[in-house]
Amino acid sequence: MVSVTSIYDKFQTVIPVEVRKEFNLDKSYKIEWKITDDGKVELEFIKELSLDDMVGRYSTEEPIDSVKLKHDFKNGKI
């Protein structure tokens, strides 16, 4: 599949509908742009995770103060 989009004011563009459907994209995603060593551009769609999405996904050897963690997360400290 090949799609072509324009670059608009403030360098905005549109993600083609075929791409949005293929990757099930919605407004919770961010795009990571990478320039490879050979000068090509690669994109990766990264879903923003809420604190609820993260619960149970990660583990650690050290004890965690979940109340402090949630407070710091909500206040943008982490």
PDB file of N, CA and C in Angstrom:
ATOM      1  N   MET A   1       0.839  -1.176   0.000  1.00  0.00           N
ATOM      2  CA  MET A   1       0.000   0.000   0.000  1.00  0.00           C
ATOM      3  C   MET A   1       0.886   1.241   0.000  1.00  0.00           C
ATOM      4  N   VAL A   2       0.545   2.191  -0.797  1.00  0.00           N
ATOM      5  CA  VAL A   2       1.225   3.480  -0.832  1.00  0.00           C
ATOM      6  C   VAL A   2       0.168   4.563  -0.696  1.00  0.00           C
ATOM      7  N   SER A   3       0.408   5.498   0.218  1.00  0.00           N
ATOM      8  CA  SER A   3      -0.475   6.639   0.382  1.00  0.00           C
ATOM      9  C   SER A   3       0.361   7.895   0.350  1.00  0.00           C
ATOM     10  N   VAL A   4      -0.204   8.958  -0.179  1.00  0.00           N
ATOM     11  CA  VAL A   4       0.485  10.242  -0.238  1.00  0.00           C
ATOM     12  C   VAL A   4      -0.367  11.259   0.502  1.00  0.00           C
ATOM     13  N   THR A   5       0.274  12.026   1.385  1.00  0.00           N
ATOM     14  CA  THR A   5      -0.430  13.102   2.087  1.00  0.00           C
ATOM     15  C   THR A   5       0.343  14.393   1.906  1.00  0.00           C
ATOM     16  N   SER A   6      -0.321  15.500   2.147  1.00  0.00           N
ATOM     17  CA  SER A   6       0.303  16.823   2.045  1.00  0.00           C
ATOM     18  C   SER A   6       0.803  17.268   3.405  1.00  0.00           C
ATOM     19  N   ILE A   7       1.717  18.225   3.403  1.00  0.00           N
ATOM     20  CA  ILE A   7       2.154  18.875   4.623  1.00  0.00           C
ATOM     21  C   ILE A   7       1.462  20.232   4.661  1.00  0.00           C
ATOM     22  N   TYR A   8       0.756  20.504   5.753  1.00  0.00           N
ATOM     23  CA  TYR A   8      -0.037  21.719   5.889  1.00  0.00           C
ATOM     24  C   TYR A   8       0.680  22.733   6.774  1.00  0.00           C
ATOM     25  N   ASP A   9      -0.033  23.827   7.073  1.00  0.00           N
ATOM     26  CA  ASP A   9       0.518  24.850   7.966  1.00  0.00           C
ATOM     27  C   ASP A   9       1.037  24.192   9.239  1.00  0.00           C
ATOM     28  N   LYS A  10       2.072  24.758   9.793  1.00  0.00           N
ATOM     29  CA  LYS A  10       2.697  24.261  11.017  1.00  0.00           C
ATOM     30  C   LYS A  10       3.204  22.827  10.841  1.00  0.00           C
ATOM     31  N   PHE A  11       3.454  22.430   9.593  1.00  0.00           N
ATOM     32  CA  PHE A  11       4.016  21.121   9.242  1.00  0.00           C
ATOM     33  C   PHE A  11       3.156  19.954   9.701  1.00  0.00           C
ATOM     34  N   GLN A  12       1.841  20.132   9.728  1.00  0.00           N
ATOM     35  CA  GLN A  12       0.924  19.052  10.072  1.00  0.00           C
ATOM     36  C   GLN A  12       0.609  18.231   8.830  1.00  0.00           C
ATOM     37  N   THR A  13       0.266  16.967   9.051  1.00  0.00           N
ATOM     38  CA  THR A  13      -0.154  16.091   7.963  1.00  0.00           C
ATOM     39  C   THR A  13      -1.259  15.177   8.487  1.00  0.00           C
ATOM     40  N   VAL A  14      -1.817  14.353   7.631  1.00  0.00           N
ATOM     41  CA  VAL A  14      -2.898  13.439   7.989  1.00  0.00           C
ATOM     42  C   VAL A  14      -2.399  12.008   7.853  1.00  0.00           C
ATOM     43  N   ILE A  15      -2.732  11.179   8.829  1.00  0.00           N
ATOM     44  CA  ILE A  15      -2.425   9.752   8.714  1.00  0.00           C
ATOM     45  C   ILE A  15      -3.537   9.131   7.871  1.00  0.00           C
ATOM     46  N   PRO A  16      -3.185   8.519   6.751  1.00  0.00           N
ATOM     47  CA  PRO A  16      -4.217   7.970   5.858  1.00  0.00           C
ATOM     48  C   PRO A  16      -5.115   6.952   6.569  1.00  0.00           C
ATOM     49  N   VAL A  17      -6.364   6.918   6.171  1.00  0.00           N
ATOM     50  CA  VAL A  17      -7.353   6.052   6.809  1.00  0.00           C
ATOM     51  C   VAL A  17      -6.926   4.588   6.753  1.00  0.00           C
ATOM     52  N   GLU A  18      -6.285   4.173   5.675  1.00  0.00           N
ATOM     53  CA  GLU A  18      -5.843   2.777   5.561  1.00  0.00           C
ATOM     54  C   GLU A  18      -4.817   2.437   6.648  1.00  0.00           C
ATOM     55  N   VAL A  19      -3.937   3.381   6.933  1.00  0.00           N
ATOM     56  CA  VAL A  19      -2.918   3.175   7.972  1.00  0.00           C
ATOM     57  C   VAL A  19      -3.577   3.161   9.346  1.00  0.00           C
ATOM     58  N   ARG A  20      -4.508   4.096   9.578  1.00  0.00           N
ATOM     59  CA  ARG A  20      -5.206   4.142  10.873  1.00  0.00           C
ATOM     60  C   ARG A  20      -5.946   2.834  11.137  1.00  0.00           C
ATOM     61  N   LYS A  21      -6.599   2.300  10.110  1.00  0.00           N
ATOM     62  CA  LYS A  21      -7.337   1.045  10.274  1.00  0.00           C
ATOM     63  C   LYS A  21      -6.396  -0.139  10.468  1.00  0.00           C
ATOM     64  N   GLU A  22      -5.322  -0.197   9.686  1.00  0.00           N
ATOM     65  CA  GLU A  22      -4.371  -1.305   9.764  1.00  0.00           C
ATOM     66  C   GLU A  22      -3.751  -1.433  11.154  1.00  0.00           C
ATOM     67  N   PHE A  23      -3.464  -0.277  11.792  1.00  0.00           N
ATOM     68  CA  PHE A  23      -2.797  -0.283  13.092  1.00  0.00           C
ATOM     69  C   PHE A  23      -3.746   0.059  14.246  1.00  0.00           C
ATOM     70  N   ASN A  24      -5.056   0.131  13.951  1.00  0.00           N
ATOM     71  CA  ASN A  24      -6.063   0.448  14.972  1.00  0.00           C
ATOM     72  C   ASN A  24      -5.693   1.711  15.764  1.00  0.00           C
ATOM     73  N   LEU A  25      -5.312   2.767  15.059  1.00  0.00           N
ATOM     74  CA  LEU A  25      -4.863   3.995  15.704  1.00  0.00           C
ATOM     75  C   LEU A  25      -6.038   4.840  16.173  1.00  0.00           C
ATOM     76  N   ASP A  26      -5.825   5.502  17.297  1.00  0.00           N
ATOM     77  CA  ASP A  26      -6.754   6.514  17.769  1.00  0.00           C
ATOM     78  C   ASP A  26      -5.929   7.643  18.371  1.00  0.00           C
ATOM     79  N   LYS A  27      -6.580   8.610  18.991  1.00  0.00           N
ATOM     80  CA  LYS A  27      -5.881   9.795  19.494  1.00  0.00           C
ATOM     81  C   LYS A  27      -4.976   9.517  20.684  1.00  0.00           C
ATOM     82  N   SER A  28      -4.981   8.296  21.217  1.00  0.00           N
ATOM     83  CA  SER A  28      -4.115   7.980  22.352  1.00  0.00           C
ATOM     84  C   SER A  28      -2.700   7.607  21.899  1.00  0.00           C
ATOM     85  N   TYR A  29      -2.450   7.560  20.602  1.00  0.00           N
ATOM     86  CA  TYR A  29      -1.139   7.189  20.086  1.00  0.00           C
ATOM     87  C   TYR A  29      -0.271   8.411  19.822  1.00  0.00           C
ATOM     88  N   LYS A  30       1.028   8.209  19.949  1.00  0.00           N
ATOM     89  CA  LYS A  30       2.027   9.187  19.536  1.00  0.00           C
ATOM     90  C   LYS A  30       2.827   8.543  18.416  1.00  0.00           C
ATOM     91  N   ILE A  31       3.544   9.360  17.650  1.00  0.00           N
ATOM     92  CA  ILE A  31       4.379   8.841  16.570  1.00  0.00           C
ATOM     93  C   ILE A  31       5.835   9.138  16.911  1.00  0.00           C
ATOM     94  N   GLU A  32       6.654   8.087  16.894  1.00  0.00           N
ATOM     95  CA  GLU A  32       8.091   8.250  17.081  1.00  0.00           C
ATOM     96  C   GLU A  32       8.728   8.263  15.697  1.00  0.00           C
ATOM     97  N   TRP A  33       9.493   9.322  15.404  1.00  0.00           N
ATOM     98  CA  TRP A  33      10.157   9.491  14.114  1.00  0.00           C
ATOM     99  C   TRP A  33      11.636   9.171  14.292  1.00  0.00           C
ATOM    100  N   LYS A  34      12.181   8.378  13.393  1.00  0.00           N
ATOM    101  CA  LYS A  34      13.602   8.033  13.470  1.00  0.00           C
ATOM    102  C   LYS A  34      14.216   8.160  12.079  1.00  0.00           C
ATOM    103  N   ILE A  35      15.390   8.802  12.015  1.00  0.00           N
ATOM    104  CA  ILE A  35      16.145   8.854  10.768  1.00  0.00           C
ATOM    105  C   ILE A  35      17.215   7.771  10.864  1.00  0.00           C
ATOM    106  N   THR A  36      17.181   6.843   9.915  1.00  0.00           N
ATOM    107  CA  THR A  36      18.124   5.725   9.936  1.00  0.00           C
ATOM    108  C   THR A  36      19.494   6.172   9.426  1.00  0.00           C
ATOM    109  N   ASP A  37      20.482   5.308   9.611  1.00  0.00           N
ATOM    110  CA  ASP A  37      21.846   5.614   9.158  1.00  0.00           C
ATOM    111  C   ASP A  37      21.925   5.830   7.650  1.00  0.00           C
ATOM    112  N   ASP A  38      21.007   5.196   6.909  1.00  0.00           N
ATOM    113  CA  ASP A  38      21.031   5.374   5.453  1.00  0.00           C
ATOM    114  C   ASP A  38      20.115   6.511   4.986  1.00  0.00           C
ATOM    115  N   GLY A  39      19.641   7.350   5.942  1.00  0.00           N
ATOM    116  CA  GLY A  39      18.893   8.559   5.586  1.00  0.00           C
ATOM    117  C   GLY A  39      17.408   8.367   5.351  1.00  0.00           C
ATOM    118  N   LYS A  40      16.870   7.225   5.697  1.00  0.00           N
ATOM    119  CA  LYS A  40      15.425   6.992   5.546  1.00  0.00           C
ATOM    120  C   LYS A  40      14.717   7.320   6.854  1.00  0.00           C
ATOM    121  N   VAL A  41      13.431   7.599   6.762  1.00  0.00           N
ATOM    122  CA  VAL A  41      12.627   7.909   7.941  1.00  0.00           C
ATOM    123  C   VAL A  41      11.778   6.697   8.299  1.00  0.00           C
ATOM    124  N   GLU A  42      11.826   6.313   9.574  1.00  0.00           N
ATOM    125  CA  GLU A  42      10.975   5.234  10.080  1.00  0.00           C
ATOM    126  C   GLU A  42      10.022   5.823  11.100  1.00  0.00           C
ATOM    127  N   LEU A  43       8.788   5.344  11.090  1.00  0.00           N
ATOM    128  CA  LEU A  43       7.781   5.773  12.056  1.00  0.00           C
ATOM    129  C   LEU A  43       7.386   4.593  12.911  1.00  0.00           C
ATOM    130  N   GLU A  44       7.127   4.872  14.182  1.00  0.00           N
ATOM    131  CA  GLU A  44       6.574   3.840  15.056  1.00  0.00           C
ATOM    132  C   GLU A  44       5.420   4.459  15.825  1.00  0.00           C
ATOM    133  N   PHE A  45       4.300   3.766  15.875  1.00  0.00           N
ATOM    134  CA  PHE A  45       3.142   4.233  16.625  1.00  0.00           C
ATOM    135  C   PHE A  45       3.240   3.724  18.047  1.00  0.00           C
ATOM    136  N   ILE A  46       3.176   4.632  19.004  1.00  0.00           N
ATOM    137  CA  ILE A  46       3.337   4.291  20.407  1.00  0.00           C
ATOM    138  C   ILE A  46       2.071   4.699  21.157  1.00  0.00           C
ATOM    139  N   LYS A  47       1.431   3.720  21.788  1.00  0.00           N
ATOM    140  CA  LYS A  47       0.211   4.003  22.540  1.00  0.00           C
ATOM    141  C   LYS A  47       0.590   4.571  23.905  1.00  0.00           C
ATOM    142  N   GLU A  48      -0.002   5.715  24.243  1.00  0.00           N
ATOM    143  CA  GLU A  48       0.196   6.278  25.571  1.00  0.00           C
ATOM    144  C   GLU A  48      -0.530   5.397  26.568  1.00  0.00           C
ATOM    145  N   LEU A  49       0.144   5.059  27.635  1.00  0.00           N
ATOM    146  CA  LEU A  49      -0.443   4.198  28.650  1.00  0.00           C
ATOM    147  C   LEU A  49      -0.904   5.021  29.840  1.00  0.00           C
ATOM    148  N   SER A  50      -2.088   4.719  30.319  1.00  0.00           N
ATOM    149  CA  SER A  50      -2.553   5.324  31.557  1.00  0.00           C
ATOM    150  C   SER A  50      -1.966   4.521  32.710  1.00  0.00           C
ATOM    151  N   LEU A  51      -2.082   5.040  33.910  1.00  0.00           N
ATOM    152  CA  LEU A  51      -1.590   4.309  35.075  1.00  0.00           C
ATOM    153  C   LEU A  51      -2.306   2.961  35.179  1.00  0.00           C
ATOM    154  N   ASP A  52      -3.608   2.946  34.904  1.00  0.00           N
ATOM    155  CA  ASP A  52      -4.362   1.686  34.955  1.00  0.00           C
ATOM    156  C   ASP A  52      -3.833   0.681  33.924  1.00  0.00           C
ATOM    157  N   ASP A  53      -3.404   1.179  32.737  1.00  0.00           N
ATOM    158  CA  ASP A  53      -2.833   0.291  31.721  1.00  0.00           C
ATOM    159  C   ASP A  53      -1.529  -0.335  32.204  1.00  0.00           C
ATOM    160  N   MET A  54      -0.780   0.418  33.025  1.00  0.00           N
ATOM    161  CA  MET A  54       0.539  -0.044  33.473  1.00  0.00           C
ATOM    162  C   MET A  54       0.472  -1.037  34.625  1.00  0.00           C
ATOM    163  N   VAL A  55      -0.611  -0.998  35.398  1.00  0.00           N
ATOM    164  CA  VAL A  55      -0.725  -1.865  36.569  1.00  0.00           C
ATOM    165  C   VAL A  55      -0.662  -3.327  36.126  1.00  0.00           C
ATOM    166  N   GLY A  56       0.242  -4.077  36.737  1.00  0.00           N
ATOM    167  CA  GLY A  56       0.401  -5.488  36.430  1.00  0.00           C
ATOM    168  C   GLY A  56       1.284  -5.772  35.239  1.00  0.00           C
ATOM    169  N   ARG A  57       1.670  -4.751  34.497  1.00  0.00           N
ATOM    170  CA  ARG A  57       2.490  -4.922  33.307  1.00  0.00           C
ATOM    171  C   ARG A  57       3.982  -4.982  33.633  1.00  0.00           C
ATOM    172  N   TYR A  58       4.343  -4.337  34.746  1.00  0.00           N
ATOM    173  CA  TYR A  58       5.752  -4.232  35.119  1.00  0.00           C
ATOM    174  C   TYR A  58       5.964  -4.804  36.515  1.00  0.00           C
ATOM    175  N   SER A  59       7.184  -5.243  36.777  1.00  0.00           N
ATOM    176  CA  SER A  59       7.501  -5.760  38.102  1.00  0.00           C
ATOM    177  C   SER A  59       8.877  -5.246  38.512  1.00  0.00           C
ATOM    178  N   THR A  60       9.154  -5.337  39.823  1.00  0.00           N
ATOM    179  CA  THR A  60      10.433  -4.880  40.346  1.00  0.00           C
ATOM    180  C   THR A  60      10.805  -5.705  41.563  1.00  0.00           C
ATOM    181  N   GLU A  61      12.071  -5.750  41.859  1.00  0.00           N
ATOM    182  CA  GLU A  61      12.558  -6.463  43.038  1.00  0.00           C
ATOM    183  C   GLU A  61      12.333  -5.628  44.305  1.00  0.00           C
ATOM    184  N   GLU A  62      12.300  -4.301  44.147  1.00  0.00           N
ATOM    185  CA  GLU A  62      12.190  -3.388  45.289  1.00  0.00           C
ATOM    186  C   GLU A  62      10.725  -3.090  45.586  1.00  0.00           C
ATOM    187  N   PRO A  63      10.385  -2.850  46.867  1.00  0.00           N
ATOM    188  CA  PRO A  63       9.007  -2.476  47.199  1.00  0.00           C
ATOM    189  C   PRO A  63       8.656  -1.114  46.596  1.00  0.00           C
ATOM    190  N   ILE A  64       7.387  -0.945  46.252  1.00  0.00           N
ATOM    191  CA  ILE A  64       6.912   0.296  45.634  1.00  0.00           C
ATOM    192  C   ILE A  64       5.787   0.876  46.474  1.00  0.00           C
ATOM    193  N   ASP A  65       5.857   2.176  46.723  1.00  0.00           N
ATOM    194  CA  ASP A  65       4.780   2.892  47.394  1.00  0.00           C
ATOM    195  C   ASP A  65       3.788   3.321  46.311  1.00  0.00           C
ATOM    196  N   SER A  66       2.761   2.511  46.089  1.00  0.00           N
ATOM    197  CA  SER A  66       1.841   2.753  44.987  1.00  0.00           C
ATOM    198  C   SER A  66       1.038   4.041  45.157  1.00  0.00           C
ATOM    199  N   VAL A  67       0.758   4.445  46.384  1.00  0.00           N
ATOM    200  CA  VAL A  67       0.021   5.696  46.613  1.00  0.00           C
ATOM    201  C   VAL A  67       0.885   6.878  46.174  1.00  0.00           C
ATOM    202  N   LYS A  68       2.157   6.880  46.583  1.00  0.00           N
ATOM    203  CA  LYS A  68       3.074   7.956  46.185  1.00  0.00           C
ATOM    204  C   LYS A  68       3.291   7.923  44.674  1.00  0.00           C
ATOM    205  N   LEU A  69       3.451   6.743  44.106  1.00  0.00           N
ATOM    206  CA  LEU A  69       3.655   6.600  42.674  1.00  0.00           C
ATOM    207  C   LEU A  69       2.477   7.189  41.900  1.00  0.00           C
ATOM    208  N   LYS A  70       1.260   6.854  42.310  1.00  0.00           N
ATOM    209  CA  LYS A  70       0.067   7.366  41.630  1.00  0.00           C
ATOM    210  C   LYS A  70      -0.014   8.887  41.769  1.00  0.00           C
ATOM    211  N   HIS A  71       0.295   9.407  42.949  1.00  0.00           N
ATOM    212  CA  HIS A  71       0.291  10.858  43.183  1.00  0.00           C
ATOM    213  C   HIS A  71       1.317  11.545  42.282  1.00  0.00           C
ATOM    214  N   ASP A  72       2.541  11.021  42.245  1.00  0.00           N
ATOM    215  CA  ASP A  72       3.590  11.604  41.415  1.00  0.00           C
ATOM    216  C   ASP A  72       3.235  11.537  39.925  1.00  0.00           C
ATOM    217  N   PHE A  73       2.624  10.430  39.512  1.00  0.00           N
ATOM    218  CA  PHE A  73       2.218  10.263  38.114  1.00  0.00           C
ATOM    219  C   PHE A  73       1.170  11.300  37.736  1.00  0.00           C
ATOM    220  N   LYS A  74       0.171  11.460  38.560  1.00  0.00           N
ATOM    221  CA  LYS A  74      -0.910  12.419  38.274  1.00  0.00           C
ATOM    222  C   LYS A  74      -0.416  13.856  38.269  1.00  0.00           C
ATOM    223  N   ASN A  75       0.651  14.135  39.028  1.00  0.00           N
ATOM    224  CA  ASN A  75       1.192  15.491  39.094  1.00  0.00           C
ATOM    225  C   ASN A  75       2.340  15.713  38.117  1.00  0.00           C
ATOM    226  N   GLY A  76       2.545  14.764  37.202  1.00  0.00           N
ATOM    227  CA  GLY A  76       3.539  14.928  36.148  1.00  0.00           C
ATOM    228  C   GLY A  76       4.978  14.819  36.604  1.00  0.00           C
ATOM    229  N   LYS A  77       5.210  14.264  37.773  1.00  0.00           N
ATOM    230  CA  LYS A  77       6.574  14.133  38.280  1.00  0.00           C
ATOM    231  C   LYS A  77       7.292  12.931  37.674  1.00  0.00           C
ATOM    232  N   ILE A  78       6.528  11.989  37.126  1.00  0.00           N
ATOM    233  CA  ILE A  78       7.133  10.828  36.449  1.00  0.00           C
ATOM    234  C   ILE A  78       6.432  10.583  35.142  1.00  0.00           C
TER     235      ILE A  78
END
